């Protein structure tokens, strides 16, 4: 029997993850069964279980994908040259979040990941690690803004970073759960708050 290529294996795994995302976005983690994912993927039971032994493995893999994407974007913002003013940095993070708040966006799944992390200790450790990294990116943004004179020299950059971090999920939650405000309005409000 010929060996299956790594590309084929990766594509099949992604097909299953895409199907799981559709099911989880539509029905939630707890109302979705492995049979739902199998049917959505259009694959055999054996094919799906070859890649994921349980629904929990699917949830964890999707959480990793969702949070890794955000981590990469925040890393780029934190490393931007020249350093971005705080309001510009937050607005770029809002651009990413805005793209994830629609019906097919990953933020709907992120909200479920938060809830799942409260009951799954392994997922909780993973989420805590990623969110700690997010806060560090924001602290780096604050530290660089402080070095550029955009923050007072005595400002606690860790605390500022934590506050900046809180602005982005707060926006996304309002977009997903309360249908507003739009990004332009929210970004303008952030600029108003960050003016000194």
C-alpha atoms as a PDB file:
ATOM      1  CA  UNK A   1       0.000   0.000   0.000  1.00  0.00           C
ATOM      2  CA  UNK A   2       1.497   3.388  -0.960  1.00  0.00           C
ATOM      3  CA  UNK A   3       2.399   5.766   1.844  1.00  0.00           C
ATOM      4  CA  UNK A   4      -0.001   8.689   2.283  1.00  0.00           C
ATOM      5  CA  UNK A   5       1.743  12.060   1.876  1.00  0.00           C
ATOM      6  CA  UNK A   6       2.145  14.477   4.756  1.00  0.00           C
ATOM      7  CA  UNK A   7       0.182  17.026   2.714  1.00  0.00           C
ATOM      8  CA  UNK A   8      -2.741  14.618   2.402  1.00  0.00           C
ATOM      9  CA  UNK A   9      -2.684  13.898   6.145  1.00  0.00           C
ATOM     10  CA  UNK A  10      -2.577  17.617   6.950  1.00  0.00           C
ATOM     11  CA  UNK A  11      -5.440  18.336   4.534  1.00  0.00           C
ATOM     12  CA  UNK A  12      -7.591  15.564   6.026  1.00  0.00           C
ATOM     13  CA  UNK A  13      -6.902  16.788   9.561  1.00  0.00           C
ATOM     14  CA  UNK A  14      -7.849  20.332   8.504  1.00  0.00           C
ATOM     15  CA  UNK A  15     -11.035  19.008   6.867  1.00  0.00           C
ATOM     16  CA  UNK A  16     -12.061  17.511  10.199  1.00  0.00           C
ATOM     17  CA  UNK A  17     -11.195  20.693  12.123  1.00  0.00           C
ATOM     18  CA  UNK A  18     -13.177  22.790   9.648  1.00  0.00           C
ATOM     19  CA  UNK A  19     -16.175  20.487  10.070  1.00  0.00           C
ATOM     20  CA  UNK A  20     -15.856  20.700  13.866  1.00  0.00           C
ATOM     21  CA  UNK A  21     -15.719  24.503  13.699  1.00  0.00           C
ATOM     22  CA  UNK A  22     -18.928  24.553  11.678  1.00  0.00           C
ATOM     23  CA  UNK A  23     -20.660  22.256  14.159  1.00  0.00           C
ATOM     24  CA  UNK A  24     -19.350  24.043  17.246  1.00  0.00           C
ATOM     25  CA  UNK A  25     -20.278  27.476  15.852  1.00  0.00           C
ATOM     26  CA  UNK A  26     -23.756  26.265  14.959  1.00  0.00           C
ATOM     27  CA  UNK A  27     -24.600  24.072  17.950  1.00  0.00           C
ATOM     28  CA  UNK A  28     -21.974  24.688  20.642  1.00  0.00           C
ATOM     29  CA  UNK A  29     -19.449  22.289  22.125  1.00  0.00           C
ATOM     30  CA  UNK A  30     -21.839  20.345  24.323  1.00  0.00           C
ATOM     31  CA  UNK A  31     -24.653  19.895  21.794  1.00  0.00           C
ATOM     32  CA  UNK A  32     -22.222  18.684  19.118  1.00  0.00           C
ATOM     33  CA  UNK A  33     -21.402  14.988  19.029  1.00  0.00           C
ATOM     34  CA  UNK A  34     -18.560  13.247  17.256  1.00  0.00           C
ATOM     35  CA  UNK A  35     -21.213  11.842  14.918  1.00  0.00           C
ATOM     36  CA  UNK A  36     -22.175  15.406  13.980  1.00  0.00           C
ATOM     37  CA  UNK A  37     -18.549  16.212  13.142  1.00  0.00           C
ATOM     38  CA  UNK A  38     -18.165  12.978  11.171  1.00  0.00           C
ATOM     39  CA  UNK A  39     -21.286  13.745   9.140  1.00  0.00           C
ATOM     40  CA  UNK A  40     -20.217  17.358   8.528  1.00  0.00           C
ATOM     41  CA  UNK A  41     -16.753  16.219   7.410  1.00  0.00           C
ATOM     42  CA  UNK A  42     -18.230  13.580   5.097  1.00  0.00           C
ATOM     43  CA  UNK A  43     -15.717  11.015   6.301  1.00  0.00           C
ATOM     44  CA  UNK A  44     -15.885   7.595   7.843  1.00  0.00           C
ATOM     45  CA  UNK A  45     -15.843   7.081  11.600  1.00  0.00           C
ATOM     46  CA  UNK A  46     -12.400   5.479  11.358  1.00  0.00           C
ATOM     47  CA  UNK A  47     -10.983   8.347   9.321  1.00  0.00           C
ATOM     48  CA  UNK A  48     -12.038  10.940  11.910  1.00  0.00           C
ATOM     49  CA  UNK A  49     -10.935   8.888  14.920  1.00  0.00           C
ATOM     50  CA  UNK A  50      -7.559   8.329  13.260  1.00  0.00           C
ATOM     51  CA  UNK A  51      -6.855  12.041  13.816  1.00  0.00           C
ATOM     52  CA  UNK A  52      -8.906  12.848  16.905  1.00  0.00           C
ATOM     53  CA  UNK A  53      -9.705  10.299  19.585  1.00  0.00           C
ATOM     54  CA  UNK A  54     -12.399  12.421  21.207  1.00  0.00           C
ATOM     55  CA  UNK A  55     -14.435  15.582  20.969  1.00  0.00           C
ATOM     56  CA  UNK A  56     -12.198  17.016  23.684  1.00  0.00           C
ATOM     57  CA  UNK A  57      -9.181  16.632  21.393  1.00  0.00           C
ATOM     58  CA  UNK A  58     -11.086  18.543  18.720  1.00  0.00           C
ATOM     59  CA  UNK A  59     -11.975  21.311  21.178  1.00  0.00           C
ATOM     60  CA  UNK A  60      -8.349  21.597  22.307  1.00  0.00           C
ATOM     61  CA  UNK A  61      -7.021  21.642  18.734  1.00  0.00           C
ATOM     62  CA  UNK A  62      -9.465  24.354  17.731  1.00  0.00           C
ATOM     63  CA  UNK A  63      -8.601  26.373  20.842  1.00  0.00           C
ATOM     64  CA  UNK A  64      -4.932  26.106  19.907  1.00  0.00           C
ATOM     65  CA  UNK A  65      -5.638  27.355  16.378  1.00  0.00           C
ATOM     66  CA  UNK A  66      -7.813  30.237  17.572  1.00  0.00           C
ATOM     67  CA  UNK A  67      -5.368  31.427  20.199  1.00  0.00           C
ATOM     68  CA  UNK A  68      -2.215  30.866  18.113  1.00  0.00           C
ATOM     69  CA  UNK A  69      -3.588  33.188  15.423  1.00  0.00           C
ATOM     70  CA  UNK A  70      -4.230  35.922  17.961  1.00  0.00           C
ATOM     71  CA  UNK A  71      -0.810  35.379  19.532  1.00  0.00           C
ATOM     72  CA  UNK A  72       0.906  35.839  16.161  1.00  0.00           C
ATOM     73  CA  UNK A  73      -0.976  39.065  15.428  1.00  0.00           C
ATOM     74  CA  UNK A  74      -0.222  40.513  18.869  1.00  0.00           C
ATOM     75  CA  UNK A  75       3.436  39.544  18.524  1.00  0.00           C
ATOM     76  CA  UNK A  76       3.623  41.476  15.249  1.00  0.00           C
ATOM     77  CA  UNK A  77       1.957  44.518  16.797  1.00  0.00           C
ATOM     78  CA  UNK A  78       4.315  44.436  19.785  1.00  0.00           C
ATOM     79  CA  UNK A  79       7.390  44.180  17.524  1.00  0.00           C
ATOM     80  CA  UNK A  80       6.280  46.863  15.051  1.00  0.00           C
ATOM     81  CA  UNK A  81       8.952  49.338  14.022  1.00  0.00           C
ATOM     82  CA  UNK A  82       8.709  52.097  14.910  1.00  0.00           C
ATOM     83  CA  UNK A  83       6.757  51.355  18.097  1.00  0.00           C
ATOM     84  CA  UNK A  84       3.062  52.072  17.669  1.00  0.00           C
ATOM     85  CA  UNK A  85       1.254  54.636  19.793  1.00  0.00           C
ATOM     86  CA  UNK A  86      -1.070  52.839  22.215  1.00  0.00           C
ATOM     87  CA  UNK A  87      -4.289  53.750  20.390  1.00  0.00           C
ATOM     88  CA  UNK A  88      -2.849  52.561  17.052  1.00  0.00           C
ATOM     89  CA  UNK A  89      -1.728  49.281  18.609  1.00  0.00           C
ATOM     90  CA  UNK A  90      -5.166  48.661  20.108  1.00  0.00           C
ATOM     91  CA  UNK A  91      -6.830  49.558  16.809  1.00  0.00           C
ATOM     92  CA  UNK A  92      -4.725  46.969  14.981  1.00  0.00           C
ATOM     93  CA  UNK A  93      -5.731  44.365  17.543  1.00  0.00           C
ATOM     94  CA  UNK A  94      -9.342  45.446  17.042  1.00  0.00           C
ATOM     95  CA  UNK A  95      -8.925  44.916  13.283  1.00  0.00           C
ATOM     96  CA  UNK A  96      -8.016  41.287  13.970  1.00  0.00           C
ATOM     97  CA  UNK A  97     -10.842  40.850  16.484  1.00  0.00           C
ATOM     98  CA  UNK A  98     -13.348  42.467  14.135  1.00  0.00           C
ATOM     99  CA  UNK A  99     -12.508  39.929  11.458  1.00  0.00           C
ATOM    100  CA  UNK A 100     -13.312  37.150  13.921  1.00  0.00           C
ATOM    101  CA  UNK A 101     -16.678  38.370  15.235  1.00  0.00           C
ATOM    102  CA  UNK A 102     -18.917  37.563  12.259  1.00  0.00           C
ATOM    103  CA  UNK A 103     -21.055  34.439  11.904  1.00  0.00           C
ATOM    104  CA  UNK A 104     -18.090  32.427  10.620  1.00  0.00           C
ATOM    105  CA  UNK A 105     -15.527  34.122  12.852  1.00  0.00           C
ATOM    106  CA  UNK A 106     -13.554  32.251  15.439  1.00  0.00           C
ATOM    107  CA  UNK A 107     -14.511  34.528  18.328  1.00  0.00           C
ATOM    108  CA  UNK A 108     -17.792  32.653  18.740  1.00  0.00           C
ATOM    109  CA  UNK A 109     -15.703  29.572  19.406  1.00  0.00           C
ATOM    110  CA  UNK A 110     -13.315  31.512  21.655  1.00  0.00           C
ATOM    111  CA  UNK A 111     -16.229  32.364  23.958  1.00  0.00           C
ATOM    112  CA  UNK A 112     -17.022  28.666  24.207  1.00  0.00           C
ATOM    113  CA  UNK A 113     -13.350  27.887  24.893  1.00  0.00           C
ATOM    114  CA  UNK A 114     -13.490  30.244  27.878  1.00  0.00           C
ATOM    115  CA  UNK A 115     -16.459  28.365  29.289  1.00  0.00           C
ATOM    116  CA  UNK A 116     -14.892  24.989  28.587  1.00  0.00           C
ATOM    117  CA  UNK A 117     -11.652  26.070  30.295  1.00  0.00           C
ATOM    118  CA  UNK A 118     -13.637  26.471  33.538  1.00  0.00           C
ATOM    119  CA  UNK A 119     -14.406  22.759  33.607  1.00  0.00           C
ATOM    120  CA  UNK A 120     -11.408  21.208  31.801  1.00  0.00           C
ATOM    121  CA  UNK A 121      -8.186  21.599  33.820  1.00  0.00           C
ATOM    122  CA  UNK A 122      -5.931  20.758  30.854  1.00  0.00           C
ATOM    123  CA  UNK A 123      -7.601  23.313  28.615  1.00  0.00           C
ATOM    124  CA  UNK A 124      -7.534  25.825  31.484  1.00  0.00           C
ATOM    125  CA  UNK A 125      -3.733  25.534  31.703  1.00  0.00           C
ATOM    126  CA  UNK A 126      -3.421  26.040  27.961  1.00  0.00           C
ATOM    127  CA  UNK A 127      -5.754  29.074  27.937  1.00  0.00           C
ATOM    128  CA  UNK A 128      -4.006  30.613  30.957  1.00  0.00           C
ATOM    129  CA  UNK A 129      -0.641  30.216  29.235  1.00  0.00           C
ATOM    130  CA  UNK A 130      -1.849  31.842  26.010  1.00  0.00           C
ATOM    131  CA  UNK A 131      -3.630  34.683  27.787  1.00  0.00           C
ATOM    132  CA  UNK A 132      -0.516  35.330  29.872  1.00  0.00           C
ATOM    133  CA  UNK A 133       1.394  35.610  26.585  1.00  0.00           C
ATOM    134  CA  UNK A 134      -1.238  38.017  25.259  1.00  0.00           C
ATOM    135  CA  UNK A 135      -0.837  40.209  28.352  1.00  0.00           C
ATOM    136  CA  UNK A 136       2.924  40.156  27.863  1.00  0.00           C
ATOM    137  CA  UNK A 137       2.525  41.351  24.270  1.00  0.00           C
ATOM    138  CA  UNK A 138       0.402  44.235  25.533  1.00  0.00           C
ATOM    139  CA  UNK A 139       2.924  44.965  28.292  1.00  0.00           C
ATOM    140  CA  UNK A 140       5.618  45.103  25.601  1.00  0.00           C
ATOM    141  CA  UNK A 141       3.451  47.515  23.602  1.00  0.00           C
ATOM    142  CA  UNK A 142       3.059  49.656  26.743  1.00  0.00           C
ATOM    143  CA  UNK A 143       6.781  49.476  27.571  1.00  0.00           C
ATOM    144  CA  UNK A 144       7.731  50.554  24.049  1.00  0.00           C
ATOM    145  CA  UNK A 145       5.150  53.345  24.156  1.00  0.00           C
ATOM    146  CA  UNK A 146       6.634  54.456  27.472  1.00  0.00           C
ATOM    147  CA  UNK A 147      10.120  54.516  25.930  1.00  0.00           C
ATOM    148  CA  UNK A 148       8.718  56.638  23.067  1.00  0.00           C
ATOM    149  CA  UNK A 149       7.168  59.099  25.550  1.00  0.00           C
ATOM    150  CA  UNK A 150       3.558  57.962  24.973  1.00  0.00           C
ATOM    151  CA  UNK A 151       3.234  56.921  28.644  1.00  0.00           C
ATOM    152  CA  UNK A 152       4.557  58.572  31.805  1.00  0.00           C
ATOM    153  CA  UNK A 153       7.933  57.179  32.949  1.00  0.00           C
ATOM    154  CA  UNK A 154       6.420  55.930  36.218  1.00  0.00           C
ATOM    155  CA  UNK A 155       3.491  54.081  34.588  1.00  0.00           C
ATOM    156  CA  UNK A 156       3.170  50.411  35.503  1.00  0.00           C
ATOM    157  CA  UNK A 157       3.510  48.867  32.034  1.00  0.00           C
ATOM    158  CA  UNK A 158       2.283  45.460  33.229  1.00  0.00           C
ATOM    159  CA  UNK A 159      -0.932  47.015  34.531  1.00  0.00           C
ATOM    160  CA  UNK A 160      -1.334  49.155  31.401  1.00  0.00           C
ATOM    161  CA  UNK A 161      -0.795  46.036  29.288  1.00  0.00           C
ATOM    162  CA  UNK A 162      -3.489  44.167  31.206  1.00  0.00           C
ATOM    163  CA  UNK A 163      -5.925  47.068  30.740  1.00  0.00           C
ATOM    164  CA  UNK A 164      -5.152  47.308  27.003  1.00  0.00           C
ATOM    165  CA  UNK A 165      -5.651  43.558  26.646  1.00  0.00           C
ATOM    166  CA  UNK A 166      -9.066  43.829  28.263  1.00  0.00           C
ATOM    167  CA  UNK A 167     -10.253  46.349  25.654  1.00  0.00           C
ATOM    168  CA  UNK A 168     -10.078  43.899  22.744  1.00  0.00           C
ATOM    169  CA  UNK A 169     -12.137  40.961  24.063  1.00  0.00           C
ATOM    170  CA  UNK A 170     -14.593  43.495  25.536  1.00  0.00           C
ATOM    171  CA  UNK A 171     -15.131  44.835  22.021  1.00  0.00           C
ATOM    172  CA  UNK A 172     -15.475  41.362  20.500  1.00  0.00           C
ATOM    173  CA  UNK A 173     -17.952  40.220  23.158  1.00  0.00           C
ATOM    174  CA  UNK A 174     -20.126  43.254  22.460  1.00  0.00           C
ATOM    175  CA  UNK A 175     -19.989  42.576  18.703  1.00  0.00           C
ATOM    176  CA  UNK A 176     -20.947  38.909  19.108  1.00  0.00           C
ATOM    177  CA  UNK A 177     -23.482  39.164  21.932  1.00  0.00           C
ATOM    178  CA  UNK A 178     -24.900  42.692  21.663  1.00  0.00           C
ATOM    179  CA  UNK A 179     -24.469  43.578  17.972  1.00  0.00           C
ATOM    180  CA  UNK A 180     -22.350  46.629  18.547  1.00  0.00           C
ATOM    181  CA  UNK A 181     -20.637  48.993  18.620  1.00  0.00           C
ATOM    182  CA  UNK A 182     -18.909  48.997  15.241  1.00  0.00           C
ATOM    183  CA  UNK A 183     -15.111  49.027  15.158  1.00  0.00           C
ATOM    184  CA  UNK A 184     -14.796  52.653  14.043  1.00  0.00           C
ATOM    185  CA  UNK A 185     -16.927  53.875  16.947  1.00  0.00           C
ATOM    186  CA  UNK A 186     -15.131  51.677  19.494  1.00  0.00           C
ATOM    187  CA  UNK A 187     -11.670  52.640  18.193  1.00  0.00           C
ATOM    188  CA  UNK A 188     -12.587  56.329  18.464  1.00  0.00           C
ATOM    189  CA  UNK A 189     -13.674  55.763  22.066  1.00  0.00           C
ATOM    190  CA  UNK A 190     -10.388  53.961  22.823  1.00  0.00           C
ATOM    191  CA  UNK A 191      -8.470  56.938  21.382  1.00  0.00           C
ATOM    192  CA  UNK A 192     -10.486  59.274  23.623  1.00  0.00           C
ATOM    193  CA  UNK A 193      -9.714  57.165  26.695  1.00  0.00           C
ATOM    194  CA  UNK A 194      -6.006  56.929  25.890  1.00  0.00           C
ATOM    195  CA  UNK A 195      -5.520  60.647  25.322  1.00  0.00           C
ATOM    196  CA  UNK A 196      -3.463  62.245  28.080  1.00  0.00           C
END
